[in-house]
Amino acid sequence: MSIDRRLLDILVCPSSRRPLRPLSRDQLSVLNAAIAAGGVLRVDGSAETTVLTEGLISDDRKVIYRIDDDIPVLLVESGIGTTQFREFP
């Protein structure tokens, strides 16, 4: 992960205020496979069409946020809920 550890320690989900942690390789793989299959929606209901190279997930594993060009995109409407996946690692 390219985010500075000190920054990661203070980042929280903008909705729940829960701490965020990096997505694991397994989580990223499952997410990107679902995106490639065309079955992933953002919180705002729009389709997520771009695969992630890295991301953050809330510590309760309910919401994923993408990281674009080393910048976390912490917009509630851009989050990806994990409840849309049958089995998310």
N, C-alpha and C. Protein backbone atom coordinates (compact mmCIF):
# COMPACT_ATOMS: atom_id res chain seq x y z
N MET A 1 0.85 -1.17 0.00
CA MET A 1 0.00 0.00 0.00
C MET A 1 0.89 1.23 0.00
N SER A 2 0.51 2.17 -0.80
CA SER A 2 1.33 3.36 -0.95
C SER A 2 0.91 4.50 -0.03
N ILE A 3 -0.15 4.32 0.75
CA ILE A 3 -0.58 5.37 1.68
C ILE A 3 0.32 5.34 2.91
N ASP A 4 0.74 6.52 3.31
CA ASP A 4 1.57 6.64 4.50
C ASP A 4 0.84 6.04 5.71
N ARG A 5 1.55 5.27 6.48
CA ARG A 5 0.96 4.57 7.63
C ARG A 5 0.33 5.55 8.63
N ARG A 6 0.93 6.71 8.81
CA ARG A 6 0.37 7.70 9.74
C ARG A 6 -0.99 8.20 9.26
N LEU A 7 -1.12 8.37 7.94
CA LEU A 7 -2.40 8.78 7.38
C LEU A 7 -3.43 7.67 7.52
N LEU A 8 -3.01 6.46 7.24
CA LEU A 8 -3.92 5.32 7.36
C LEU A 8 -4.45 5.17 8.78
N ASP A 9 -3.64 5.50 9.76
CA ASP A 9 -4.07 5.40 11.15
C ASP A 9 -5.19 6.37 11.52
N ILE A 10 -5.35 7.45 10.76
CA ILE A 10 -6.40 8.42 11.10
C ILE A 10 -7.59 8.40 10.15
N LEU A 11 -7.48 7.66 9.04
CA LEU A 11 -8.59 7.61 8.09
C LEU A 11 -9.75 6.78 8.65
N VAL A 12 -10.96 7.29 8.45
CA VAL A 12 -12.16 6.58 8.89
C VAL A 12 -13.20 6.62 7.78
N CYS A 13 -14.14 5.70 7.84
CA CYS A 13 -15.26 5.68 6.91
C CYS A 13 -16.07 6.96 7.14
N PRO A 14 -16.37 7.70 6.09
CA PRO A 14 -17.10 8.96 6.27
C PRO A 14 -18.55 8.76 6.74
N SER A 15 -19.07 7.58 6.58
CA SER A 15 -20.44 7.30 6.99
C SER A 15 -20.51 6.75 8.42
N SER A 16 -19.77 5.70 8.68
CA SER A 16 -19.85 5.03 9.99
C SER A 16 -18.81 5.50 10.99
N ARG A 17 -17.78 6.18 10.50
CA ARG A 17 -16.65 6.64 11.33
C ARG A 17 -15.80 5.48 11.86
N ARG A 18 -15.95 4.33 11.23
CA ARG A 18 -15.13 3.17 11.61
C ARG A 18 -13.77 3.27 10.94
N PRO A 19 -12.72 2.75 11.56
CA PRO A 19 -11.38 2.78 10.97
C PRO A 19 -11.35 2.03 9.63
N LEU A 20 -10.44 2.45 8.78
CA LEU A 20 -10.24 1.81 7.49
C LEU A 20 -8.92 1.07 7.47
N ARG A 21 -8.88 0.01 6.70
CA ARG A 21 -7.64 -0.76 6.53
C ARG A 21 -7.51 -1.12 5.06
N PRO A 22 -6.31 -1.46 4.62
CA PRO A 22 -6.12 -1.81 3.20
C PRO A 22 -6.88 -3.09 2.84
N LEU A 23 -7.37 -3.15 1.62
CA LEU A 23 -7.96 -4.38 1.11
C LEU A 23 -6.86 -5.43 0.97
N SER A 24 -7.17 -6.66 1.33
CA SER A 24 -6.21 -7.75 1.14
C SER A 24 -6.20 -8.15 -0.34
N ARG A 25 -5.22 -8.92 -0.73
CA ARG A 25 -5.15 -9.39 -2.12
C ARG A 25 -6.38 -10.22 -2.47
N ASP A 26 -6.82 -11.07 -1.54
CA ASP A 26 -8.00 -11.90 -1.78
C ASP A 26 -9.25 -11.03 -1.97
N GLN A 27 -9.41 -10.04 -1.12
CA GLN A 27 -10.57 -9.15 -1.22
C GLN A 27 -10.54 -8.38 -2.55
N LEU A 28 -9.38 -7.88 -2.90
CA LEU A 28 -9.22 -7.13 -4.15
C LEU A 28 -9.52 -8.02 -5.35
N SER A 29 -9.08 -9.25 -5.30
CA SER A 29 -9.32 -10.20 -6.38
C SER A 29 -10.81 -10.49 -6.56
N VAL A 30 -11.51 -10.75 -5.46
CA VAL A 30 -12.96 -11.01 -5.52
C VAL A 30 -13.69 -9.79 -6.05
N LEU A 31 -13.34 -8.62 -5.54
CA LEU A 31 -13.98 -7.39 -5.98
C LEU A 31 -13.77 -7.14 -7.46
N ASN A 32 -12.53 -7.27 -7.93
CA ASN A 32 -12.23 -7.00 -9.33
C ASN A 32 -12.88 -8.02 -10.27
N ALA A 33 -13.00 -9.26 -9.83
CA ALA A 33 -13.69 -10.27 -10.65
C ALA A 33 -15.16 -9.89 -10.81
N ALA A 34 -15.77 -9.41 -9.73
CA ALA A 34 -17.17 -8.99 -9.79
C ALA A 34 -17.33 -7.74 -10.65
N ILE A 35 -16.39 -6.81 -10.56
CA ILE A 35 -16.44 -5.61 -11.41
C ILE A 35 -16.34 -6.01 -12.88
N ALA A 36 -15.41 -6.91 -13.18
CA ALA A 36 -15.23 -7.37 -14.56
C ALA A 36 -16.49 -8.06 -15.09
N ALA A 37 -17.21 -8.73 -14.20
CA ALA A 37 -18.44 -9.41 -14.60
C ALA A 37 -19.62 -8.44 -14.71
N GLY A 38 -19.42 -7.21 -14.28
CA GLY A 38 -20.45 -6.19 -14.40
C GLY A 38 -21.50 -6.21 -13.31
N GLY A 39 -21.14 -6.72 -12.15
CA GLY A 39 -22.16 -6.83 -11.12
C GLY A 39 -21.91 -6.04 -9.85
N VAL A 40 -21.19 -4.95 -9.93
CA VAL A 40 -20.88 -4.19 -8.72
C VAL A 40 -21.50 -2.79 -8.79
N LEU A 41 -22.20 -2.44 -7.72
CA LEU A 41 -22.82 -1.13 -7.62
C LEU A 41 -22.19 -0.32 -6.50
N ARG A 42 -22.09 0.98 -6.72
CA ARG A 42 -21.67 1.90 -5.67
C ARG A 42 -22.86 2.19 -4.76
N VAL A 43 -22.60 2.84 -3.66
CA VAL A 43 -23.66 3.20 -2.72
C VAL A 43 -24.74 4.05 -3.39
N ASP A 44 -24.35 4.90 -4.34
CA ASP A 44 -25.33 5.76 -5.01
C ASP A 44 -26.14 5.03 -6.09
N GLY A 45 -25.88 3.74 -6.29
CA GLY A 45 -26.63 2.95 -7.25
C GLY A 45 -26.02 2.87 -8.63
N SER A 46 -24.97 3.63 -8.88
CA SER A 46 -24.31 3.57 -10.19
C SER A 46 -23.36 2.36 -10.24
N ALA A 47 -23.11 1.89 -11.44
CA ALA A 47 -22.25 0.73 -11.63
C ALA A 47 -20.78 1.13 -11.46
N GLU A 48 -20.02 0.28 -10.78
CA GLU A 48 -18.57 0.44 -10.70
C GLU A 48 -17.99 -0.32 -11.88
N THR A 49 -17.31 0.35 -12.78
CA THR A 49 -16.81 -0.29 -14.00
C THR A 49 -15.29 -0.36 -14.08
N THR A 50 -14.61 0.32 -13.19
CA THR A 50 -13.15 0.36 -13.21
C THR A 50 -12.59 -0.53 -12.12
N VAL A 51 -11.71 -1.46 -12.50
CA VAL A 51 -11.10 -2.33 -11.50
C VAL A 51 -10.19 -1.49 -10.60
N LEU A 52 -10.02 -1.97 -9.38
CA LEU A 52 -9.20 -1.26 -8.39
C LEU A 52 -7.81 -1.87 -8.34
N THR A 53 -6.81 -1.03 -8.21
CA THR A 53 -5.46 -1.52 -7.99
C THR A 53 -5.17 -1.60 -6.50
N GLU A 54 -5.88 -0.77 -5.73
CA GLU A 54 -5.82 -0.82 -4.28
C GLU A 54 -7.05 -0.14 -3.71
N GLY A 55 -7.35 -0.45 -2.48
CA GLY A 55 -8.53 0.12 -1.86
C GLY A 55 -8.48 0.00 -0.35
N LEU A 56 -9.46 0.61 0.28
CA LEU A 56 -9.59 0.56 1.73
C LEU A 56 -10.94 -0.05 2.06
N ILE A 57 -11.01 -0.72 3.20
CA ILE A 57 -12.26 -1.32 3.65
C ILE A 57 -12.46 -0.98 5.12
N SER A 58 -13.70 -0.73 5.50
CA SER A 58 -13.98 -0.42 6.90
C SER A 58 -13.68 -1.67 7.74
N ASP A 59 -13.32 -1.45 9.00
CA ASP A 59 -12.92 -2.58 9.83
C ASP A 59 -14.07 -3.56 10.12
N ASP A 60 -15.31 -3.14 9.85
CA ASP A 60 -16.44 -4.07 9.99
C ASP A 60 -16.73 -4.78 8.65
N ARG A 61 -15.90 -4.49 7.63
CA ARG A 61 -15.94 -5.12 6.32
C ARG A 61 -17.24 -4.86 5.57
N LYS A 62 -17.84 -3.69 5.76
CA LYS A 62 -19.11 -3.38 5.10
C LYS A 62 -18.98 -2.45 3.91
N VAL A 63 -17.95 -1.60 3.88
CA VAL A 63 -17.82 -0.62 2.79
C VAL A 63 -16.37 -0.57 2.31
N ILE A 64 -16.25 -0.51 0.98
CA ILE A 64 -14.94 -0.42 0.32
C ILE A 64 -14.84 0.95 -0.34
N TYR A 65 -13.65 1.54 -0.25
CA TYR A 65 -13.36 2.82 -0.93
C TYR A 65 -12.14 2.62 -1.81
N ARG A 66 -12.22 3.13 -3.02
CA ARG A 66 -11.10 3.00 -3.94
C ARG A 66 -9.99 3.98 -3.59
N ILE A 67 -8.81 3.69 -4.07
CA ILE A 67 -7.67 4.60 -3.98
C ILE A 67 -7.24 4.88 -5.42
N ASP A 68 -7.29 6.13 -5.82
CA ASP A 68 -6.90 6.54 -7.16
C ASP A 68 -5.66 7.42 -7.07
N ASP A 69 -4.60 7.02 -7.77
CA ASP A 69 -3.35 7.79 -7.78
C ASP A 69 -2.88 8.10 -6.37
N ASP A 70 -2.92 7.10 -5.50
CA ASP A 70 -2.47 7.21 -4.10
C ASP A 70 -3.37 8.11 -3.24
N ILE A 71 -4.56 8.44 -3.72
CA ILE A 71 -5.47 9.30 -2.97
C ILE A 71 -6.74 8.52 -2.66
N PRO A 72 -7.04 8.32 -1.38
CA PRO A 72 -8.29 7.63 -1.02
C PRO A 72 -9.51 8.47 -1.43
N VAL A 73 -10.46 7.83 -2.09
CA VAL A 73 -11.70 8.50 -2.51
C VAL A 73 -12.75 8.18 -1.44
N LEU A 74 -12.82 9.03 -0.44
CA LEU A 74 -13.68 8.77 0.72
C LEU A 74 -15.00 9.54 0.61
N LEU A 75 -15.70 9.31 -0.47
CA LEU A 75 -17.01 9.90 -0.68
C LEU A 75 -18.04 8.79 -0.43
N VAL A 76 -19.02 9.07 0.44
CA VAL A 76 -20.01 8.06 0.79
C VAL A 76 -20.64 7.46 -0.45
N GLU A 77 -21.05 8.32 -1.40
CA GLU A 77 -21.74 7.83 -2.59
C GLU A 77 -20.86 6.97 -3.50
N SER A 78 -19.54 7.08 -3.37
CA SER A 78 -18.62 6.30 -4.19
C SER A 78 -18.21 4.99 -3.53
N GLY A 79 -18.63 4.78 -2.30
CA GLY A 79 -18.31 3.54 -1.60
C GLY A 79 -18.96 2.34 -2.27
N ILE A 80 -18.41 1.18 -2.01
CA ILE A 80 -18.96 -0.07 -2.54
C ILE A 80 -19.34 -0.94 -1.35
N GLY A 81 -20.61 -1.21 -1.20
CA GLY A 81 -21.08 -2.05 -0.11
C GLY A 81 -20.75 -3.51 -0.34
N THR A 82 -20.27 -4.20 0.66
CA THR A 82 -19.90 -5.59 0.50
C THR A 82 -21.07 -6.54 0.64
N THR A 83 -22.23 -6.05 1.05
CA THR A 83 -23.39 -6.94 1.20
C THR A 83 -23.90 -7.43 -0.16
N GLN A 84 -23.46 -6.81 -1.25
CA GLN A 84 -23.88 -7.26 -2.58
C GLN A 84 -23.11 -8.49 -3.05
N PHE A 85 -22.11 -8.90 -2.29
CA PHE A 85 -21.33 -10.08 -2.63
C PHE A 85 -21.81 -11.26 -1.78
N ARG A 86 -21.96 -12.41 -2.39
CA ARG A 86 -22.44 -13.57 -1.64
C ARG A 86 -21.48 -13.92 -0.51
N GLU A 87 -20.24 -14.09 -0.85
CA GLU A 87 -19.22 -14.41 0.17
C GLU A 87 -18.03 -13.52 -0.06
N PHE A 88 -17.88 -12.49 0.75
CA PHE A 88 -16.75 -11.59 0.62
C PHE A 88 -15.71 -11.96 1.67
N PRO A 89 -14.48 -12.23 1.22
CA PRO A 89 -13.44 -12.69 2.18
C PRO A 89 -13.12 -11.69 3.28
